[in-house]
Amino acid sequence: MNTIVNTTDANLAARLRHERLARDWSMAELAERAGVSRAMIAKVEAGKASPTAALLGRLSGAFGLSLSTLLARAEGSAGRHVRRADQPVWSDPKTGYVRRAVSAPNARGAEIVEVTLPPGAQIAFPAASYAFFVQQMLVTAGELNFTEGDVVHRLAEGDWLELGEPRDCVFETAGTQPCTYLVILVKS
């Protein structure tokens, strides 16, 4: 398993800096657009702090990218056939959220990500992190409470959901078991 903790934290730090500089933004400007502190951006870009999924969601939204696209750019490219053991995995140091890039980062059309949330975990993402994508989810194990704006969807194993217009959202494990789900992203 290619766990993205040390090497990819460095790749992610470099990618965040690259995305910021490509837009000719200062750290202060990115902080304002993302609603996070300049100090946190400086720590992450310097590799002195591991970003959480929530932080990455805010930063990717400020860049006009999905979290998945931001992580895929940090992970680099892969071939057309990627074995499970070679699929990049990233773990949120705060919540234990684990993200596996099932499809290659340069996949045409749909992008598929597998997420596992431990019991009691909750991750929030701003609407901006999904603004340019149609997103669908399939729960493959456990139960998930997914809040989309004001609407709470209670999803169990085998349940499928296509998200509506981008809204702030919260993914939360329901019950005492981990929840695993697939996220399918298609550019709109």
C-alpha atoms as a PDB file:
ATOM      1  CA  MET A   1       0.000   0.000   0.000  1.00  0.00           C
ATOM      2  CA  ASN A   2       1.353   3.395  -0.995  1.00  0.00           C
ATOM      3  CA  THR A   3       0.438   5.397   2.105  1.00  0.00           C
ATOM      4  CA  ILE A   4       0.769   9.093   1.555  1.00  0.00           C
ATOM      5  CA  VAL A   5       2.058  10.389   4.835  1.00  0.00           C
ATOM      6  CA  ASN A   6       5.708  11.425   4.528  1.00  0.00           C
ATOM      7  CA  THR A   7       6.565  11.589   0.835  1.00  0.00           C
ATOM      8  CA  THR A   8       3.220  12.851  -0.313  1.00  0.00           C
ATOM      9  CA  ASP A   9       2.970  15.406   2.468  1.00  0.00           C
ATOM     10  CA  ALA A  10       6.049  16.908   0.806  1.00  0.00           C
ATOM     11  CA  ASN A  11       4.425  16.527  -2.640  1.00  0.00           C
ATOM     12  CA  LEU A  12       1.224  18.047  -1.302  1.00  0.00           C
ATOM     13  CA  ALA A  13       3.092  20.976   0.259  1.00  0.00           C
ATOM     14  CA  ALA A  14       4.835  21.615  -3.070  1.00  0.00           C
ATOM     15  CA  ARG A  15       1.537  21.296  -4.991  1.00  0.00           C
ATOM     16  CA  LEU A  16      -0.238  23.777  -2.703  1.00  0.00           C
ATOM     17  CA  ARG A  17       2.585  26.262  -3.144  1.00  0.00           C
ATOM     18  CA  HIS A  18       2.554  25.674  -6.927  1.00  0.00           C
ATOM     19  CA  GLU A  19      -1.223  26.232  -7.163  1.00  0.00           C
ATOM     20  CA  ARG A  20      -0.946  29.419  -5.087  1.00  0.00           C
ATOM     21  CA  LEU A  21       1.981  30.835  -7.069  1.00  0.00           C
ATOM     22  CA  ALA A  22       0.399  29.872 -10.419  1.00  0.00           C
ATOM     23  CA  ARG A  23      -2.429  32.232  -9.489  1.00  0.00           C
ATOM     24  CA  ASP A  24       0.042  34.875  -8.311  1.00  0.00           C
ATOM     25  CA  TRP A  25      -1.535  34.854  -4.846  1.00  0.00           C
ATOM     26  CA  SER A  26       0.208  35.686  -1.606  1.00  0.00           C
ATOM     27  CA  MET A  27      -0.320  33.421   1.387  1.00  0.00           C
ATOM     28  CA  ALA A  28      -2.536  36.148   2.850  1.00  0.00           C
ATOM     29  CA  GLU A  29      -4.726  36.158  -0.273  1.00  0.00           C
ATOM     30  CA  LEU A  30      -5.095  32.372  -0.244  1.00  0.00           C
ATOM     31  CA  ALA A  31      -5.859  32.481   3.488  1.00  0.00           C
ATOM     32  CA  GLU A  32      -8.621  35.031   2.891  1.00  0.00           C
ATOM     33  CA  ARG A  33     -10.119  33.109  -0.050  1.00  0.00           C
ATOM     34  CA  ALA A  34     -10.026  29.785   1.842  1.00  0.00           C
ATOM     35  CA  GLY A  35     -11.057  31.139   5.225  1.00  0.00           C
ATOM     36  CA  VAL A  36      -8.009  29.707   6.996  1.00  0.00           C
ATOM     37  CA  SER A  37      -5.065  31.318   8.743  1.00  0.00           C
ATOM     38  CA  ARG A  38      -1.986  32.442   6.865  1.00  0.00           C
ATOM     39  CA  ALA A  39       0.114  30.747   9.561  1.00  0.00           C
ATOM     40  CA  MET A  40      -1.499  27.370   8.813  1.00  0.00           C
ATOM     41  CA  ILE A  41      -0.853  27.751   5.080  1.00  0.00           C
ATOM     42  CA  ALA A  42       2.782  28.633   5.822  1.00  0.00           C
ATOM     43  CA  LYS A  43       3.172  25.544   8.045  1.00  0.00           C
ATOM     44  CA  VAL A  44       1.619  23.228   5.457  1.00  0.00           C
ATOM     45  CA  GLU A  45       3.637  24.654   2.548  1.00  0.00           C
ATOM     46  CA  ALA A  46       6.821  24.330   4.620  1.00  0.00           C
ATOM     47  CA  GLY A  47       5.977  20.708   5.463  1.00  0.00           C
ATOM     48  CA  LYS A  48       5.785  21.521   9.179  1.00  0.00           C
ATOM     49  CA  ALA A  49       2.120  20.497   9.521  1.00  0.00           C
ATOM     50  CA  SER A  50       0.094  17.718   7.927  1.00  0.00           C
ATOM     51  CA  PRO A  51      -3.084  19.176   6.452  1.00  0.00           C
ATOM     52  CA  THR A  52      -6.460  17.770   7.456  1.00  0.00           C
ATOM     53  CA  ALA A  53      -9.131  16.808   4.933  1.00  0.00           C
ATOM     54  CA  ALA A  54     -11.212  19.803   6.033  1.00  0.00           C
ATOM     55  CA  LEU A  55      -8.285  22.180   5.464  1.00  0.00           C
ATOM     56  CA  LEU A  56      -7.543  20.654   2.062  1.00  0.00           C
ATOM     57  CA  GLY A  57     -11.224  20.976   1.157  1.00  0.00           C
ATOM     58  CA  ARG A  58     -11.127  24.695   1.927  1.00  0.00           C
ATOM     59  CA  LEU A  59      -7.860  25.219   0.011  1.00  0.00           C
ATOM     60  CA  SER A  60      -8.995  23.202  -3.010  1.00  0.00           C
ATOM     61  CA  GLY A  61     -12.248  25.172  -3.074  1.00  0.00           C
ATOM     62  CA  ALA A  62     -10.305  28.443  -3.072  1.00  0.00           C
ATOM     63  CA  PHE A  63      -8.305  27.156  -6.047  1.00  0.00           C
ATOM     64  CA  GLY A  64     -11.488  26.115  -7.885  1.00  0.00           C
ATOM     65  CA  LEU A  65     -10.464  22.454  -7.678  1.00  0.00           C
ATOM     66  CA  SER A  66     -12.044  19.443  -6.040  1.00  0.00           C
ATOM     67  CA  LEU A  67     -10.164  17.902  -3.120  1.00  0.00           C
ATOM     68  CA  SER A  68      -9.717  14.846  -5.289  1.00  0.00           C
ATOM     69  CA  THR A  69      -8.129  16.851  -8.111  1.00  0.00           C
ATOM     70  CA  LEU A  70      -5.779  18.644  -5.720  1.00  0.00           C
ATOM     71  CA  LEU A  71      -4.630  15.345  -4.204  1.00  0.00           C
ATOM     72  CA  ALA A  72      -4.355  13.711  -7.635  1.00  0.00           C
ATOM     73  CA  ARG A  73      -2.053  16.501  -8.804  1.00  0.00           C
ATOM     74  CA  ALA A  74       0.140  15.955  -5.735  1.00  0.00           C
ATOM     75  CA  GLU A  75       0.166  12.187  -6.281  1.00  0.00           C
ATOM     76  CA  GLY A  76       1.417  12.396  -9.858  1.00  0.00           C
ATOM     77  CA  SER A  77       0.399  10.359 -12.835  1.00  0.00           C
ATOM     78  CA  ALA A  78      -0.083   6.637 -13.230  1.00  0.00           C
ATOM     79  CA  GLY A  79      -0.720   4.261 -16.080  1.00  0.00           C
ATOM     80  CA  ARG A  80      -4.019   2.876 -17.292  1.00  0.00           C
ATOM     81  CA  HIS A  81      -3.777  -0.154 -14.986  1.00  0.00           C
ATOM     82  CA  VAL A  82      -3.169   0.589 -11.323  1.00  0.00           C
ATOM     83  CA  ARG A  83      -3.166  -2.304  -8.878  1.00  0.00           C
ATOM     84  CA  ARG A  84      -4.762  -1.726  -5.490  1.00  0.00           C
ATOM     85  CA  ALA A  85      -1.373  -1.937  -3.777  1.00  0.00           C
ATOM     86  CA  ASP A  86      -0.138   0.909  -6.001  1.00  0.00           C
ATOM     87  CA  GLN A  87      -3.158   3.188  -5.613  1.00  0.00           C
ATOM     88  CA  PRO A  88      -2.209   6.303  -3.645  1.00  0.00           C
ATOM     89  CA  VAL A  89      -3.650   6.488  -0.141  1.00  0.00           C
ATOM     90  CA  TRP A  90      -3.888   9.610   1.996  1.00  0.00           C
ATOM     91  CA  SER A  91      -4.977   9.733   5.624  1.00  0.00           C
ATOM     92  CA  ASP A  92      -6.282  12.736   7.533  1.00  0.00           C
ATOM     93  CA  PRO A  93      -4.113  13.019  10.666  1.00  0.00           C
ATOM     94  CA  LYS A  94      -6.994  14.478  12.684  1.00  0.00           C
ATOM     95  CA  THR A  95      -9.949  12.198  11.914  1.00  0.00           C
ATOM     96  CA  GLY A  96      -8.509   8.999  10.453  1.00  0.00           C
ATOM     97  CA  TYR A  97     -10.346   9.638   7.145  1.00  0.00           C
ATOM     98  CA  VAL A  98      -8.574   7.467   4.556  1.00  0.00           C
ATOM     99  CA  ARG A  99      -8.746   8.332   0.855  1.00  0.00           C
ATOM    100  CA  ARG A 100      -7.654   5.920  -1.875  1.00  0.00           C
ATOM    101  CA  ALA A 101      -7.362   7.125  -5.472  1.00  0.00           C
ATOM    102  CA  VAL A 102      -8.974   4.162  -7.244  1.00  0.00           C
ATOM    103  CA  SER A 103      -8.751   5.635 -10.734  1.00  0.00           C
ATOM    104  CA  ALA A 104      -5.544   7.026 -12.136  1.00  0.00           C
ATOM    105  CA  PRO A 105      -5.076  10.764 -11.465  1.00  0.00           C
ATOM    106  CA  ASN A 106      -5.022  11.394 -15.208  1.00  0.00           C
ATOM    107  CA  ALA A 107      -8.146   9.323 -15.881  1.00  0.00           C
ATOM    108  CA  ARG A 108     -10.415  10.682 -18.589  1.00  0.00           C
ATOM    109  CA  GLY A 109     -14.038  11.226 -17.737  1.00  0.00           C
ATOM    110  CA  ALA A 110     -14.840   9.994 -14.245  1.00  0.00           C
ATOM    111  CA  GLU A 111     -12.576  10.014 -11.231  1.00  0.00           C
ATOM    112  CA  ILE A 112     -13.203   7.355  -8.572  1.00  0.00           C
ATOM    113  CA  VAL A 113     -12.119   7.659  -4.956  1.00  0.00           C
ATOM    114  CA  GLU A 114     -12.652   5.223  -2.101  1.00  0.00           C
ATOM    115  CA  VAL A 115     -13.079   6.763   1.346  1.00  0.00           C
ATOM    116  CA  THR A 116     -13.127   5.024   4.716  1.00  0.00           C
ATOM    117  CA  LEU A 117     -14.304   6.911   7.783  1.00  0.00           C
ATOM    118  CA  PRO A 118     -13.685   5.413  11.220  1.00  0.00           C
ATOM    119  CA  PRO A 119     -16.564   5.217  13.728  1.00  0.00           C
ATOM    120  CA  GLY A 120     -17.534   8.651  15.025  1.00  0.00           C
ATOM    121  CA  ALA A 121     -15.591  10.511  12.321  1.00  0.00           C
ATOM    122  CA  GLN A 122     -16.999  13.634  10.729  1.00  0.00           C
ATOM    123  CA  ILE A 123     -15.555  15.606   7.782  1.00  0.00           C
ATOM    124  CA  ALA A 124     -16.956  18.895   6.463  1.00  0.00           C
ATOM    125  CA  PHE A 125     -16.251  20.341   3.013  1.00  0.00           C
ATOM    126  CA  PRO A 126     -17.288  23.696   1.559  1.00  0.00           C
ATOM    127  CA  ALA A 127     -19.483  23.834  -1.529  1.00  0.00           C
ATOM    128  CA  ALA A 128     -16.603  25.393  -3.472  1.00  0.00           C
ATOM    129  CA  SER A 129     -14.670  22.129  -3.343  1.00  0.00           C
ATOM    130  CA  TYR A 130     -17.318  20.507  -5.609  1.00  0.00           C
ATOM    131  CA  ALA A 131     -18.310  23.491  -7.753  1.00  0.00           C
ATOM    132  CA  PHE A 132     -17.098  22.062 -11.067  1.00  0.00           C
ATOM    133  CA  PHE A 133     -18.113  18.422 -10.604  1.00  0.00           C
ATOM    134  CA  VAL A 134     -21.126  16.183 -10.599  1.00  0.00           C
ATOM    135  CA  GLN A 135     -20.613  13.917  -7.608  1.00  0.00           C
ATOM    136  CA  GLN A 136     -22.151  10.527  -6.907  1.00  0.00           C
ATOM    137  CA  MET A 137     -21.584   8.210  -3.935  1.00  0.00           C
ATOM    138  CA  LEU A 138     -22.043   4.514  -3.300  1.00  0.00           C
ATOM    139  CA  VAL A 139     -21.772   3.173   0.248  1.00  0.00           C
ATOM    140  CA  THR A 140     -19.952  -0.166   0.135  1.00  0.00           C
ATOM    141  CA  ALA A 141     -19.768  -0.907   3.896  1.00  0.00           C
ATOM    142  CA  GLY A 142     -21.262   0.569   7.047  1.00  0.00           C
ATOM    143  CA  GLU A 143     -23.601   3.526   7.374  1.00  0.00           C
ATOM    144  CA  LEU A 144     -23.144   7.192   6.508  1.00  0.00           C
ATOM    145  CA  ASN A 145     -25.005  10.340   7.456  1.00  0.00           C
ATOM    146  CA  PHE A 146     -24.380  12.789   4.639  1.00  0.00           C
ATOM    147  CA  THR A 147     -25.538  16.364   5.146  1.00  0.00           C
ATOM    148  CA  GLU A 148     -25.946  18.354   1.946  1.00  0.00           C
ATOM    149  CA  GLY A 149     -26.837  21.924   2.883  1.00  0.00           C
ATOM    150  CA  ASP A 150     -29.891  21.466   5.134  1.00  0.00           C
ATOM    151  CA  VAL A 151     -30.750  17.945   3.975  1.00  0.00           C
ATOM    152  CA  VAL A 152     -29.495  14.855   5.813  1.00  0.00           C
ATOM    153  CA  HIS A 153     -29.240  11.650   3.769  1.00  0.00           C
ATOM    154  CA  ARG A 154     -28.936   8.443   5.786  1.00  0.00           C
ATOM    155  CA  LEU A 155     -27.121   5.922   3.612  1.00  0.00           C
ATOM    156  CA  ALA A 156     -26.516   2.221   4.280  1.00  0.00           C
ATOM    157  CA  GLU A 157     -24.485  -0.412   2.440  1.00  0.00           C
ATOM    158  CA  GLY A 158     -25.484  -0.488  -1.229  1.00  0.00           C
ATOM    159  CA  ASP A 159     -27.182   2.934  -1.183  1.00  0.00           C
ATOM    160  CA  TRP A 160     -26.385   5.321  -4.033  1.00  0.00           C
ATOM    161  CA  LEU A 161     -26.723   9.114  -3.987  1.00  0.00           C
ATOM    162  CA  GLU A 162     -26.206  11.724  -6.673  1.00  0.00           C
ATOM    163  CA  LEU A 163     -25.506  15.112  -5.138  1.00  0.00           C
ATOM    164  CA  GLY A 164     -27.453  18.174  -6.163  1.00  0.00           C
ATOM    165  CA  GLU A 165     -26.126  21.699  -6.620  1.00  0.00           C
ATOM    166  CA  PRO A 166     -22.873  22.276  -4.701  1.00  0.00           C
ATOM    167  CA  ARG A 167     -23.569  23.014  -1.034  1.00  0.00           C
ATOM    168  CA  ASP A 168     -21.518  22.810   2.109  1.00  0.00           C
ATOM    169  CA  CYS A 169     -21.545  19.162   3.110  1.00  0.00           C
ATOM    170  CA  VAL A 170     -20.670  16.907   6.032  1.00  0.00           C
ATOM    171  CA  PHE A 171     -19.794  13.214   5.899  1.00  0.00           C
ATOM    172  CA  GLU A 172     -20.340  11.415   9.217  1.00  0.00           C
ATOM    173  CA  THR A 173     -20.096   7.757  10.127  1.00  0.00           C
ATOM    174  CA  ALA A 174     -23.323   6.401  11.573  1.00  0.00           C
ATOM    175  CA  GLY A 175     -23.197   3.512  14.011  1.00  0.00           C
ATOM    176  CA  THR A 176     -20.203   1.817  15.577  1.00  0.00           C
ATOM    177  CA  GLN A 177     -18.534   0.428  12.455  1.00  0.00           C
ATOM    178  CA  PRO A 178     -16.324   2.199   9.906  1.00  0.00           C
ATOM    179  CA  CYS A 179     -18.041   3.378   6.740  1.00  0.00           C
ATOM    180  CA  THR A 180     -16.512   2.898   3.297  1.00  0.00           C
ATOM    181  CA  TYR A 181     -17.929   4.588   0.225  1.00  0.00           C
ATOM    182  CA  LEU A 182     -16.965   5.324  -3.358  1.00  0.00           C
ATOM    183  CA  VAL A 183     -17.087   8.865  -4.693  1.00  0.00           C
ATOM    184  CA  ILE A 184     -17.435   9.236  -8.442  1.00  0.00           C
ATOM    185  CA  LEU A 185     -16.596  12.700  -9.774  1.00  0.00           C
ATOM    186  CA  VAL A 186     -17.352  13.828 -13.314  1.00  0.00           C
ATOM    187  CA  LYS A 187     -16.474  17.313 -14.549  1.00  0.00           C
ATOM    188  CA  SER A 188     -19.631  19.266 -15.233  1.00  0.00           C
END
